[in-house]
PDB file of all heavy atoms in Angstrom:
ATOM      1  N   ALA A   1       0.809  -1.211  -0.031  1.00  0.00           N
ATOM      2  CA  ALA A   1      -0.009   0.008   0.048  1.00  0.00           C
ATOM      3  C   ALA A   1       0.806   1.284   0.006  1.00  0.00           C
ATOM      4  O   ALA A   1       0.326   2.321  -0.291  1.00  0.00           O
ATOM      5  CB  ALA A   1      -0.905   0.006   1.233  1.00  0.00           C
ATOM      6  N   ASN A   2       2.107   1.199   0.330  1.00  0.00           N
ATOM      7  CA  ASN A   2       2.971   2.351   0.359  1.00  0.00           C
ATOM      8  C   ASN A   2       4.384   1.946   0.096  1.00  0.00           C
ATOM      9  O   ASN A   2       4.701   0.833  -0.161  1.00  0.00           O
ATOM     10  CB  ASN A   2       2.886   2.999   1.781  1.00  0.00           C
ATOM     11  CG  ASN A   2       3.143   1.979   2.855  1.00  0.00           C
ATOM     12  OD1 ASN A   2       4.114   1.252   2.878  1.00  0.00           O
ATOM     13  ND2 ASN A   2       2.142   1.873   3.817  1.00  0.00           N
ATOM     14  N   SER A   3       5.278   2.968   0.023  1.00  0.00           N
ATOM     15  CA  SER A   3       6.665   2.765  -0.353  1.00  0.00           C
ATOM     16  C   SER A   3       7.370   1.828   0.584  1.00  0.00           C
ATOM     17  O   SER A   3       8.291   0.999   0.181  1.00  0.00           O
ATOM     18  CB  SER A   3       7.423   4.122  -0.463  1.00  0.00           C
ATOM     19  OG  SER A   3       7.418   4.770   0.775  1.00  0.00           O
ATOM     20  N   GLU A   4       7.091   1.941   1.986  1.00  0.00           N
ATOM     21  CA  GLU A   4       7.798   1.123   2.878  1.00  0.00           C
ATOM     22  C   GLU A   4       7.440  -0.390   2.638  1.00  0.00           C
ATOM     23  O   GLU A   4       8.376  -1.229   2.718  1.00  0.00           O
ATOM     24  CB  GLU A   4       7.408   1.447   4.338  1.00  0.00           C
ATOM     25  CG  GLU A   4       7.997   2.891   4.832  1.00  0.00           C
ATOM     26  CD  GLU A   4       7.280   4.034   4.242  1.00  0.00           C
ATOM     27  OE1 GLU A   4       6.246   3.871   3.515  1.00  0.00           O
ATOM     28  OE2 GLU A   4       7.827   5.153   4.377  1.00  0.00           O
ATOM     29  N   ASP A   5       6.184  -0.679   2.410  1.00  0.00           N
ATOM     30  CA  ASP A   5       5.774  -2.019   2.151  1.00  0.00           C
ATOM     31  C   ASP A   5       6.370  -2.550   0.907  1.00  0.00           C
ATOM     32  O   ASP A   5       6.853  -3.728   0.780  1.00  0.00           O
ATOM     33  CB  ASP A   5       4.263  -2.162   2.113  1.00  0.00           C
ATOM     34  CG  ASP A   5       3.568  -1.952   3.481  1.00  0.00           C
ATOM     35  OD1 ASP A   5       4.317  -1.951   4.465  1.00  0.00           O
ATOM     36  OD2 ASP A   5       2.292  -1.760   3.511  1.00  0.00           O
ATOM     37  N   ALA A   6       6.443  -1.668  -0.125  1.00  0.00           N
ATOM     38  CA  ALA A   6       6.935  -2.096  -1.419  1.00  0.00           C
ATOM     39  C   ALA A   6       8.405  -2.449  -1.355  1.00  0.00           C
ATOM     40  O   ALA A   6       8.894  -3.418  -1.908  1.00  0.00           O
ATOM     41  CB  ALA A   6       6.689  -0.871  -2.466  1.00  0.00           C
ATOM     42  N   MET A   7       9.226  -1.570  -0.640  1.00  0.00           N
ATOM     43  CA  MET A   7      10.661  -1.878  -0.557  1.00  0.00           C
ATOM     44  C   MET A   7      10.912  -3.077   0.310  1.00  0.00           C
ATOM     45  O   MET A   7      11.866  -3.765   0.062  1.00  0.00           O
ATOM     46  CB  MET A   7      11.408  -0.628  -0.051  1.00  0.00           C
ATOM     47  CG  MET A   7      11.288   0.655  -0.913  1.00  0.00           C
ATOM     48  SD  MET A   7      11.643   0.288  -2.741  1.00  0.00           S
ATOM     49  CE  MET A   7      13.312  -0.216  -2.634  1.00  0.00           C
ATOM     50  N   ALA A   8      10.055  -3.255   1.328  1.00  0.00           N
ATOM     51  CA  ALA A   8      10.262  -4.468   2.140  1.00  0.00           C
ATOM     52  C   ALA A   8      10.060  -5.729   1.345  1.00  0.00           C
ATOM     53  O   ALA A   8      10.700  -6.750   1.513  1.00  0.00           O
ATOM     54  CB  ALA A   8       9.308  -4.406   3.321  1.00  0.00           C
ATOM     55  N   GLU A   9       8.950  -5.691   0.412  1.00  0.00           N
ATOM     56  CA  GLU A   9       8.762  -6.893  -0.436  1.00  0.00           C
ATOM     57  C   GLU A   9       9.823  -7.048  -1.411  1.00  0.00           C
ATOM     58  O   GLU A   9      10.280  -8.216  -1.677  1.00  0.00           O
ATOM     59  CB  GLU A   9       7.401  -6.695  -1.144  1.00  0.00           C
ATOM     60  CG  GLU A   9       6.190  -6.697  -0.300  1.00  0.00           C
ATOM     61  CD  GLU A   9       5.896  -8.142   0.364  1.00  0.00           C
ATOM     62  OE1 GLU A   9       6.386  -9.123  -0.253  1.00  0.00           O
ATOM     63  OE2 GLU A   9       5.332  -8.163   1.409  1.00  0.00           O
ATOM     64  N   MET A  10      10.428  -5.941  -1.949  1.00  0.00           N
ATOM     65  CA  MET A  10      11.574  -6.066  -2.877  1.00  0.00           C
ATOM     66  C   MET A  10      12.722  -6.691  -2.171  1.00  0.00           C
ATOM     67  O   MET A  10      13.449  -7.522  -2.786  1.00  0.00           O
ATOM     68  CB  MET A  10      11.924  -4.761  -3.410  1.00  0.00           C
ATOM     69  CG  MET A  10      11.008  -4.115  -4.427  1.00  0.00           C
ATOM     70  SD  MET A  10      10.909  -5.133  -5.967  1.00  0.00           S
ATOM     71  CE  MET A  10      12.590  -5.141  -6.430  1.00  0.00           C
ATOM     72  N   ASN A  11      13.011  -6.353  -0.974  1.00  0.00           N
ATOM     73  CA  ASN A  11      14.166  -6.846  -0.184  1.00  0.00           C
ATOM     74  C   ASN A  11      13.976  -8.276   0.213  1.00  0.00           C
ATOM     75  O   ASN A  11      14.959  -9.026   0.296  1.00  0.00           O
ATOM     76  CB  ASN A  11      14.399  -5.980   1.049  1.00  0.00           C
ATOM     77  CG  ASN A  11      14.902  -4.615   0.704  1.00  0.00           C
ATOM     78  OD1 ASN A  11      15.605  -4.420  -0.281  1.00  0.00           O
ATOM     79  ND2 ASN A  11      14.653  -3.641   1.518  1.00  0.00           N
ATOM     80  N   LYS A  12      12.756  -8.681   0.348  1.00  0.00           N
ATOM     81  CA  LYS A  12      12.484 -10.132   0.645  1.00  0.00           C
ATOM     82  C   LYS A  12      12.904 -11.011  -0.544  1.00  0.00           C
ATOM     83  O   LYS A  12      13.690 -11.959  -0.469  1.00  0.00           O
ATOM     84  CB  LYS A  12      11.105 -10.442   0.952  1.00  0.00           C
ATOM     85  CG  LYS A  12      10.595 -10.000   2.301  1.00  0.00           C
ATOM     86  CD  LYS A  12       9.032 -10.351   2.437  1.00  0.00           C
ATOM     87  CE  LYS A  12       8.490  -9.724   3.707  1.00  0.00           C
ATOM     88  NZ  LYS A  12       7.000  -9.973   3.744  1.00  0.00           N
ATOM     89  N   GLU A  13      12.360 -10.689  -1.740  1.00  0.00           N
ATOM     90  CA  GLU A  13      12.562 -11.467  -2.961  1.00  0.00           C
ATOM     91  C   GLU A  13      12.136 -10.550  -4.125  1.00  0.00           C
ATOM     92  O   GLU A  13      10.963 -10.191  -4.225  1.00  0.00           O
ATOM     93  CB  GLU A  13      11.860 -12.700  -2.936  1.00  0.00           C
ATOM     94  CG  GLU A  13      11.905 -13.566  -4.206  1.00  0.00           C
ATOM     95  CD  GLU A  13      13.375 -14.113  -4.439  1.00  0.00           C
ATOM     96  OE1 GLU A  13      14.055 -14.336  -3.321  1.00  0.00           O
ATOM     97  OE2 GLU A  13      13.797 -14.400  -5.533  1.00  0.00           O
ATOM     98  N   PRO A  14      12.984 -10.249  -5.107  1.00  0.00           N
ATOM     99  CA  PRO A  14      12.540  -9.510  -6.203  1.00  0.00           C
ATOM    100  C   PRO A  14      11.477 -10.186  -7.001  1.00  0.00           C
ATOM    101  O   PRO A  14      11.589 -11.395  -7.277  1.00  0.00           O
ATOM    102  CB  PRO A  14      13.842  -9.273  -7.125  1.00  0.00           C
ATOM    103  CG  PRO A  14      14.923  -9.571  -6.098  1.00  0.00           C
ATOM    104  CD  PRO A  14      14.457 -10.588  -5.104  1.00  0.00           C
ATOM    105  N   PRO A  15      10.373  -9.462  -7.397  1.00  0.00           N
ATOM    106  CA  PRO A  15       9.287 -10.068  -8.172  1.00  0.00           C
ATOM    107  C   PRO A  15       9.608 -10.221  -9.612  1.00  0.00           C
ATOM    108  O   PRO A  15      10.671  -9.742 -10.043  1.00  0.00           O
ATOM    109  CB  PRO A  15       8.129  -9.144  -7.936  1.00  0.00           C
ATOM    110  CG  PRO A  15       8.822  -7.817  -7.833  1.00  0.00           C
ATOM    111  CD  PRO A  15      10.097  -8.077  -7.110  1.00  0.00           C
ATOM    112  N   GLY A  16       8.817 -10.943 -10.307  1.00  0.00           N
ATOM    113  CA  GLY A  16       9.006 -11.049 -11.800  1.00  0.00           C
ATOM    114  C   GLY A  16       8.632  -9.762 -12.442  1.00  0.00           C
ATOM    115  O   GLY A  16       9.137  -9.521 -13.550  1.00  0.00           O
ATOM    116  N   LEU A  17       7.745  -9.004 -11.919  1.00  0.00           N
ATOM    117  CA  LEU A  17       7.214  -7.726 -12.458  1.00  0.00           C
ATOM    118  C   LEU A  17       6.659  -6.856 -11.382  1.00  0.00           C
ATOM    119  O   LEU A  17       6.043  -7.403 -10.348  1.00  0.00           O
ATOM    120  CB  LEU A  17       6.241  -8.054 -13.657  1.00  0.00           C
ATOM    121  CG  LEU A  17       5.614  -6.856 -14.347  1.00  0.00           C
ATOM    122  CD1 LEU A  17       5.469  -7.180 -15.833  1.00  0.00           C
ATOM    123  CD2 LEU A  17       4.284  -6.509 -13.763  1.00  0.00           C
ATOM    124  N   MET A  18       6.671  -5.538 -11.569  1.00  0.00           N
ATOM    125  CA  MET A  18       6.003  -4.680 -10.588  1.00  0.00           C
ATOM    126  C   MET A  18       4.948  -3.779 -11.335  1.00  0.00           C
ATOM    127  O   MET A  18       5.331  -3.267 -12.368  1.00  0.00           O
ATOM    128  CB  MET A  18       7.028  -3.777  -9.883  1.00  0.00           C
ATOM    129  CG  MET A  18       6.460  -2.746  -8.899  1.00  0.00           C
ATOM    130  SD  MET A  18       7.676  -1.632  -8.209  1.00  0.00           S
ATOM    131  CE  MET A  18       8.376  -2.642  -6.877  1.00  0.00           C
ATOM    132  N   ILE A  19       3.841  -3.664 -10.701  1.00  0.00           N
ATOM    133  CA  ILE A  19       2.826  -2.667 -11.182  1.00  0.00           C
ATOM    134  C   ILE A  19       2.871  -1.570 -10.115  1.00  0.00           C
ATOM    135  O   ILE A  19       2.539  -1.820  -8.946  1.00  0.00           O
ATOM    136  CB  ILE A  19       1.409  -3.319 -11.317  1.00  0.00           C
ATOM    137  CG1 ILE A  19       1.495  -4.340 -12.346  1.00  0.00           C
ATOM    138  CG2 ILE A  19       0.398  -2.245 -11.679  1.00  0.00           C
ATOM    139  CD1 ILE A  19       0.232  -5.161 -12.577  1.00  0.00           C
ATOM    140  N   LEU A  20       3.137  -0.320 -10.517  1.00  0.00           N
ATOM    141  CA  LEU A  20       3.488   0.718  -9.506  1.00  0.00           C
ATOM    142  C   LEU A  20       2.659   1.982  -9.797  1.00  0.00           C
ATOM    143  O   LEU A  20       2.681   2.555 -10.949  1.00  0.00           O
ATOM    144  CB  LEU A  20       4.966   1.048  -9.626  1.00  0.00           C
ATOM    145  CG  LEU A  20       5.459   2.135  -8.756  1.00  0.00           C
ATOM    146  CD1 LEU A  20       5.229   1.850  -7.274  1.00  0.00           C
ATOM    147  CD2 LEU A  20       7.021   2.417  -9.076  1.00  0.00           C
ATOM    148  N   ASP A  21       1.961   2.421  -8.853  1.00  0.00           N
ATOM    149  CA  ASP A  21       1.206   3.702  -8.961  1.00  0.00           C
ATOM    150  C   ASP A  21       2.139   4.832  -8.678  1.00  0.00           C
ATOM    151  O   ASP A  21       3.027   4.775  -7.780  1.00  0.00           O
ATOM    152  CB  ASP A  21       0.073   3.767  -7.848  1.00  0.00           C
ATOM    153  CG  ASP A  21      -0.845   4.922  -7.999  1.00  0.00           C
ATOM    154  OD1 ASP A  21      -0.775   5.594  -9.070  1.00  0.00           O
ATOM    155  OD2 ASP A  21      -1.757   5.130  -7.083  1.00  0.00           O
ATOM    156  N   ILE A  22       1.995   5.944  -9.467  1.00  0.00           N
ATOM    157  CA  ILE A  22       2.823   7.079  -9.316  1.00  0.00           C
ATOM    158  C   ILE A  22       2.620   7.809  -7.968  1.00  0.00           C
ATOM    159  O   ILE A  22       3.522   8.154  -7.268  1.00  0.00           O
ATOM    160  CB  ILE A  22       2.675   8.175 -10.492  1.00  0.00           C
ATOM    161  CG1 ILE A  22       3.380   7.649 -11.753  1.00  0.00           C
ATOM    162  CG2 ILE A  22       3.194   9.491 -10.191  1.00  0.00           C
ATOM    163  CD1 ILE A  22       4.869   7.694 -11.693  1.00  0.00           C
ATOM    164  N   TRP A  23       1.318   8.024  -7.659  1.00  0.00           N
ATOM    165  CA  TRP A  23       1.003   8.810  -6.470  1.00  0.00           C
ATOM    166  C   TRP A  23       0.661   7.947  -5.298  1.00  0.00           C
ATOM    167  O   TRP A  23      -0.325   7.100  -5.399  1.00  0.00           O
ATOM    168  CB  TRP A  23      -0.228   9.767  -6.775  1.00  0.00           C
ATOM    169  CG  TRP A  23       0.030  10.569  -8.018  1.00  0.00           C
ATOM    170  CD1 TRP A  23      -0.522  10.430  -9.270  1.00  0.00           C
ATOM    171  CD2 TRP A  23       0.948  11.613  -8.116  1.00  0.00           C
ATOM    172  NE1 TRP A  23      -0.054  11.337 -10.063  1.00  0.00           N
ATOM    173  CE2 TRP A  23       0.846  12.175  -9.446  1.00  0.00           C
ATOM    174  CE3 TRP A  23       1.825  12.337  -7.270  1.00  0.00           C
ATOM    175  CZ2 TRP A  23       1.613  13.206  -9.943  1.00  0.00           C
ATOM    176  CZ3 TRP A  23       2.525  13.415  -7.666  1.00  0.00           C
ATOM    177  CH2 TRP A  23       2.436  13.810  -9.018  1.00  0.00           C
ATOM    178  N   LEU A  24       1.329   8.002  -4.238  1.00  0.00           N
ATOM    179  CA  LEU A  24       1.097   7.066  -3.104  1.00  0.00           C
ATOM    180  C   LEU A  24       0.930   7.970  -1.879  1.00  0.00           C
ATOM    181  O   LEU A  24       1.864   8.739  -1.384  1.00  0.00           O
ATOM    182  CB  LEU A  24       2.325   6.143  -2.872  1.00  0.00           C
ATOM    183  CG  LEU A  24       2.566   5.150  -4.039  1.00  0.00           C
ATOM    184  CD1 LEU A  24       3.900   4.439  -3.772  1.00  0.00           C
ATOM    185  CD2 LEU A  24       1.465   4.167  -4.168  1.00  0.00           C
ATOM    186  N   LYS A  25      -0.266   7.920  -1.302  1.00  0.00           N
ATOM    187  CA  LYS A  25      -0.557   8.712  -0.054  1.00  0.00           C
ATOM    188  C   LYS A  25       0.246   8.086   1.150  1.00  0.00           C
ATOM    189  O   LYS A  25       0.385   6.901   1.283  1.00  0.00           O
ATOM    190  CB  LYS A  25      -2.020   8.686   0.232  1.00  0.00           C
ATOM    191  CG  LYS A  25      -2.869   9.409  -0.827  1.00  0.00           C
ATOM    192  CD  LYS A  25      -4.366   9.283  -0.476  1.00  0.00           C
ATOM    193  CE  LYS A  25      -5.233   9.987  -1.535  1.00  0.00           C
ATOM    194  NZ  LYS A  25      -6.664   9.811  -1.294  1.00  0.00           N
ATOM    195  N   ASP A  26       0.558   8.922   2.041  1.00  0.00           N
ATOM    196  CA  ASP A  26       1.138   8.616   3.287  1.00  0.00           C
ATOM    197  C   ASP A  26       2.434   7.692   3.130  1.00  0.00           C
ATOM    198  O   ASP A  26       2.667   6.706   3.804  1.00  0.00           O
ATOM    199  CB  ASP A  26       0.180   7.762   4.159  1.00  0.00           C
ATOM    200  CG  ASP A  26      -1.105   8.631   4.447  1.00  0.00           C
ATOM    201  OD1 ASP A  26      -0.929   9.840   4.712  1.00  0.00           O
ATOM    202  OD2 ASP A  26      -2.186   7.982   4.469  1.00  0.00           O
ATOM    203  N   SER A  27       3.289   8.083   2.103  1.00  0.00           N
ATOM    204  CA  SER A  27       4.483   7.374   1.741  1.00  0.00           C
ATOM    205  C   SER A  27       5.622   8.233   1.792  1.00  0.00           C
ATOM    206  O   SER A  27       5.563   9.455   1.345  1.00  0.00           O
ATOM    207  CB  SER A  27       4.360   6.589   0.416  1.00  0.00           C
ATOM    208  OG  SER A  27       3.480   5.553   0.426  1.00  0.00           O
ATOM    209  N   ARG A  28       6.767   7.704   2.283  1.00  0.00           N
ATOM    210  CA  ARG A  28       8.040   8.532   2.231  1.00  0.00           C
ATOM    211  C   ARG A  28       8.453   8.774   0.767  1.00  0.00           C
ATOM    212  O   ARG A  28       9.106   9.802   0.516  1.00  0.00           O
ATOM    213  CB  ARG A  28       9.077   7.738   3.023  1.00  0.00           C
ATOM    214  CG  ARG A  28      10.412   8.466   3.139  1.00  0.00           C
ATOM    215  CD  ARG A  28      11.344   7.683   4.083  1.00  0.00           C
ATOM    216  NE  ARG A  28      11.431   6.279   3.677  1.00  0.00           N
ATOM    217  CZ  ARG A  28      12.369   5.924   2.741  1.00  0.00           C
ATOM    218  NH1 ARG A  28      13.189   6.753   2.216  1.00  0.00           N
ATOM    219  NH2 ARG A  28      12.443   4.616   2.481  1.00  0.00           N
ATOM    220  N   MET A  29       8.244   7.793  -0.150  1.00  0.00           N
ATOM    221  CA  MET A  29       8.783   7.870  -1.519  1.00  0.00           C
ATOM    222  C   MET A  29       7.501   7.859  -2.464  1.00  0.00           C
ATOM    223  O   MET A  29       6.509   7.073  -2.211  1.00  0.00           O
ATOM    224  CB  MET A  29       9.579   6.688  -1.841  1.00  0.00           C
ATOM    225  CG  MET A  29      10.922   6.614  -0.887  1.00  0.00           C
ATOM    226  SD  MET A  29      11.636   4.910  -0.988  1.00  0.00           S
ATOM    227  CE  MET A  29      12.199   4.899  -2.669  1.00  0.00           C
ATOM    228  N   ASP A  30       7.614   8.571  -3.571  1.00  0.00           N
ATOM    229  CA  ASP A  30       6.516   8.447  -4.595  1.00  0.00           C
ATOM    230  C   ASP A  30       6.936   7.425  -5.564  1.00  0.00           C
ATOM    231  O   ASP A  30       7.974   6.742  -5.471  1.00  0.00           O
ATOM    232  CB  ASP A  30       6.250   9.794  -5.245  1.00  0.00           C
ATOM    233  CG  ASP A  30       7.482  10.318  -6.072  1.00  0.00           C
ATOM    234  OD1 ASP A  30       8.377   9.552  -6.315  1.00  0.00           O
ATOM    235  OD2 ASP A  30       7.445  11.531  -6.383  1.00  0.00           O
ATOM    236  N   GLY A  31       6.081   7.189  -6.593  1.00  0.00           N
ATOM    237  CA  GLY A  31       6.308   6.103  -7.550  1.00  0.00           C
ATOM    238  C   GLY A  31       7.596   6.308  -8.265  1.00  0.00           C
ATOM    239  O   GLY A  31       8.394   5.240  -8.536  1.00  0.00           O
ATOM    240  N   ILE A  32       8.013   7.502  -8.701  1.00  0.00           N
ATOM    241  CA  ILE A  32       9.262   7.706  -9.388  1.00  0.00           C
ATOM    242  C   ILE A  32      10.477   7.365  -8.506  1.00  0.00           C
ATOM    243  O   ILE A  32      11.460   6.756  -8.995  1.00  0.00           O
ATOM    244  CB  ILE A  32       9.391   9.198  -9.910  1.00  0.00           C
ATOM    245  CG1 ILE A  32       8.326   9.449 -11.003  1.00  0.00           C
ATOM    246  CG2 ILE A  32      10.765   9.456 -10.428  1.00  0.00           C
ATOM    247  CD1 ILE A  32       8.543   8.659 -12.260  1.00  0.00           C
ATOM    248  N   ASP A  33      10.360   7.731  -7.221  1.00  0.00           N
ATOM    249  CA  ASP A  33      11.466   7.348  -6.330  1.00  0.00           C
ATOM    250  C   ASP A  33      11.668   5.854  -6.146  1.00  0.00           C
ATOM    251  O   ASP A  33      12.743   5.349  -6.153  1.00  0.00           O
ATOM    252  CB  ASP A  33      11.223   7.982  -4.912  1.00  0.00           C
ATOM    253  CG  ASP A  33      11.322   9.528  -4.969  1.00  0.00           C
ATOM    254  OD1 ASP A  33      12.055  10.094  -5.754  1.00  0.00           O
ATOM    255  OD2 ASP A  33      10.598  10.216  -4.118  1.00  0.00           O
ATOM    256  N   ILE A  34      10.490   5.166  -6.059  1.00  0.00           N
ATOM    257  CA  ILE A  34      10.556   3.726  -6.014  1.00  0.00           C
ATOM    258  C   ILE A  34      11.098   3.151  -7.310  1.00  0.00           C
ATOM    259  O   ILE A  34      11.949   2.257  -7.163  1.00  0.00           O
ATOM    260  CB  ILE A  34       9.099   3.172  -5.670  1.00  0.00           C
ATOM    261  CG1 ILE A  34       8.645   3.574  -4.297  1.00  0.00           C
ATOM    262  CG2 ILE A  34       9.212   1.632  -5.774  1.00  0.00           C
ATOM    263  CD1 ILE A  34       7.217   3.181  -4.017  1.00  0.00           C
ATOM    264  N   LEU A  35      10.683   3.660  -8.404  1.00  0.00           N
ATOM    265  CA  LEU A  35      11.212   3.180  -9.685  1.00  0.00           C
ATOM    266  C   LEU A  35      12.740   3.336  -9.766  1.00  0.00           C
ATOM    267  O   LEU A  35      13.416   2.376 -10.171  1.00  0.00           O
ATOM    268  CB  LEU A  35      10.513   4.011 -10.774  1.00  0.00           C
ATOM    269  CG  LEU A  35      11.110   3.855 -12.202  1.00  0.00           C
ATOM    270  CD1 LEU A  35      10.822   2.399 -12.653  1.00  0.00           C
ATOM    271  CD2 LEU A  35      10.396   4.858 -13.151  1.00  0.00           C
ATOM    272  N   LYS A  36      13.238   4.440  -9.328  1.00  0.00           N
ATOM    273  CA  LYS A  36      14.691   4.690  -9.380  1.00  0.00           C
ATOM    274  C   LYS A  36      15.406   3.669  -8.473  1.00  0.00           C
ATOM    275  O   LYS A  36      16.390   3.143  -8.809  1.00  0.00           O
ATOM    276  CB  LYS A  36      15.094   6.077  -8.920  1.00  0.00           C
ATOM    277  CG  LYS A  36      14.660   7.229  -9.805  1.00  0.00           C
ATOM    278  CD  LYS A  36      15.051   8.534  -9.248  1.00  0.00           C
ATOM    279  CE  LYS A  36      14.669   9.701 -10.129  1.00  0.00           C
ATOM    280  NZ  LYS A  36      14.978  11.038  -9.527  1.00  0.00           N
ATOM    281  N   ALA A  37      14.789   3.451  -7.218  1.00  0.00           N
ATOM    282  CA  ALA A  37      15.509   2.574  -6.348  1.00  0.00           C
ATOM    283  C   ALA A  37      15.508   1.130  -6.775  1.00  0.00           C
ATOM    284  O   ALA A  37      16.502   0.369  -6.704  1.00  0.00           O
ATOM    285  CB  ALA A  37      14.764   2.641  -4.904  1.00  0.00           C
ATOM    286  N   VAL A  38      14.404   0.691  -7.395  1.00  0.00           N
ATOM    287  CA  VAL A  38      14.323  -0.722  -7.842  1.00  0.00           C
ATOM    288  C   VAL A  38      15.192  -0.948  -9.054  1.00  0.00           C
ATOM    289  O   VAL A  38      15.925  -1.875  -9.131  1.00  0.00           O
ATOM    290  CB  VAL A  38      12.797  -1.045  -8.245  1.00  0.00           C
ATOM    291  CG1 VAL A  38      12.741  -2.404  -8.896  1.00  0.00           C
ATOM    292  CG2 VAL A  38      11.941  -1.070  -6.999  1.00  0.00           C
ATOM    293  N   LYS A  39      15.240   0.114  -9.969  1.00  0.00           N
ATOM    294  CA  LYS A  39      16.064   0.015 -11.188  1.00  0.00           C
ATOM    295  C   LYS A  39      17.549   0.031 -10.838  1.00  0.00           C
ATOM    296  O   LYS A  39      18.399  -0.462 -11.483  1.00  0.00           O
ATOM    297  CB  LYS A  39      15.732   1.034 -12.207  1.00  0.00           C
ATOM    298  CG  LYS A  39      14.419   0.741 -12.928  1.00  0.00           C
ATOM    299  CD  LYS A  39      14.641  -0.538 -13.711  1.00  0.00           C
ATOM    300  CE  LYS A  39      13.451  -1.041 -14.428  1.00  0.00           C
ATOM    301  NZ  LYS A  39      13.657  -2.379 -15.190  1.00  0.00           N
ATOM    302  N   ARG A  40      17.842   0.643  -9.662  1.00  0.00           N
ATOM    303  CA  ARG A  40      19.210   0.782  -9.225  1.00  0.00           C
ATOM    304  C   ARG A  40      19.731  -0.578  -8.694  1.00  0.00           C
ATOM    305  O   ARG A  40      20.836  -1.078  -9.034  1.00  0.00           O
ATOM    306  CB  ARG A  40      19.354   1.842  -8.126  1.00  0.00           C
ATOM    307  CG  ARG A  40      20.752   1.993  -7.525  1.00  0.00           C
ATOM    308  CD  ARG A  40      20.649   2.848  -6.271  1.00  0.00           C
ATOM    309  NE  ARG A  40      19.873   2.188  -5.219  1.00  0.00           N
ATOM    310  CZ  ARG A  40      19.247   2.855  -4.286  1.00  0.00           C
ATOM    311  NH1 ARG A  40      19.152   4.144  -4.328  1.00  0.00           N
ATOM    312  NH2 ARG A  40      18.554   2.232  -3.350  1.00  0.00           N
ATOM    313  N   ASP A  41      18.924  -1.269  -7.930  1.00  0.00           N
ATOM    314  CA  ASP A  41      19.322  -2.482  -7.220  1.00  0.00           C
ATOM    315  C   ASP A  41      18.917  -3.761  -7.983  1.00  0.00           C
ATOM    316  O   ASP A  41      19.471  -4.805  -7.766  1.00  0.00           O
ATOM    317  CB  ASP A  41      18.829  -2.537  -5.750  1.00  0.00           C
ATOM    318  CG  ASP A  41      19.331  -1.427  -4.947  1.00  0.00           C
ATOM    319  OD1 ASP A  41      20.505  -0.934  -5.267  1.00  0.00           O
ATOM    320  OD2 ASP A  41      18.667  -0.893  -4.013  1.00  0.00           O
ATOM    321  N   ASN A  42      17.794  -3.688  -8.656  1.00  0.00           N
ATOM    322  CA  ASN A  42      17.216  -4.869  -9.415  1.00  0.00           C
ATOM    323  C   ASN A  42      16.831  -4.391 -10.849  1.00  0.00           C
ATOM    324  O   ASN A  42      15.615  -4.408 -11.194  1.00  0.00           O
ATOM    325  CB  ASN A  42      16.029  -5.442  -8.690  1.00  0.00           C
ATOM    326  CG  ASN A  42      16.382  -5.927  -7.306  1.00  0.00           C
ATOM    327  OD1 ASN A  42      16.842  -7.026  -7.148  1.00  0.00           O
ATOM    328  ND2 ASN A  42      16.135  -5.039  -6.250  1.00  0.00           N
ATOM    329  N   PRO A  43      17.822  -4.115 -11.673  1.00  0.00           N
ATOM    330  CA  PRO A  43      17.545  -3.598 -12.993  1.00  0.00           C
ATOM    331  C   PRO A  43      16.755  -4.575 -13.901  1.00  0.00           C
ATOM    332  O   PRO A  43      16.157  -4.169 -14.816  1.00  0.00           O
ATOM    333  CB  PRO A  43      18.940  -3.296 -13.609  1.00  0.00           C
ATOM    334  CG  PRO A  43      19.875  -4.097 -12.809  1.00  0.00           C
ATOM    335  CD  PRO A  43      19.238  -4.189 -11.438  1.00  0.00           C
TER     336      PRO A  43
END
């Protein structure tokens, strides 16, 4: 539901694909920030 949960799931095990909303309420990172982080560590 938010960036913290998303990054926690990524750190558990990278998925085969991610569907990502740009605008995330009550999140430290927006969709573009998450996109950058995922592409940095799991291109």
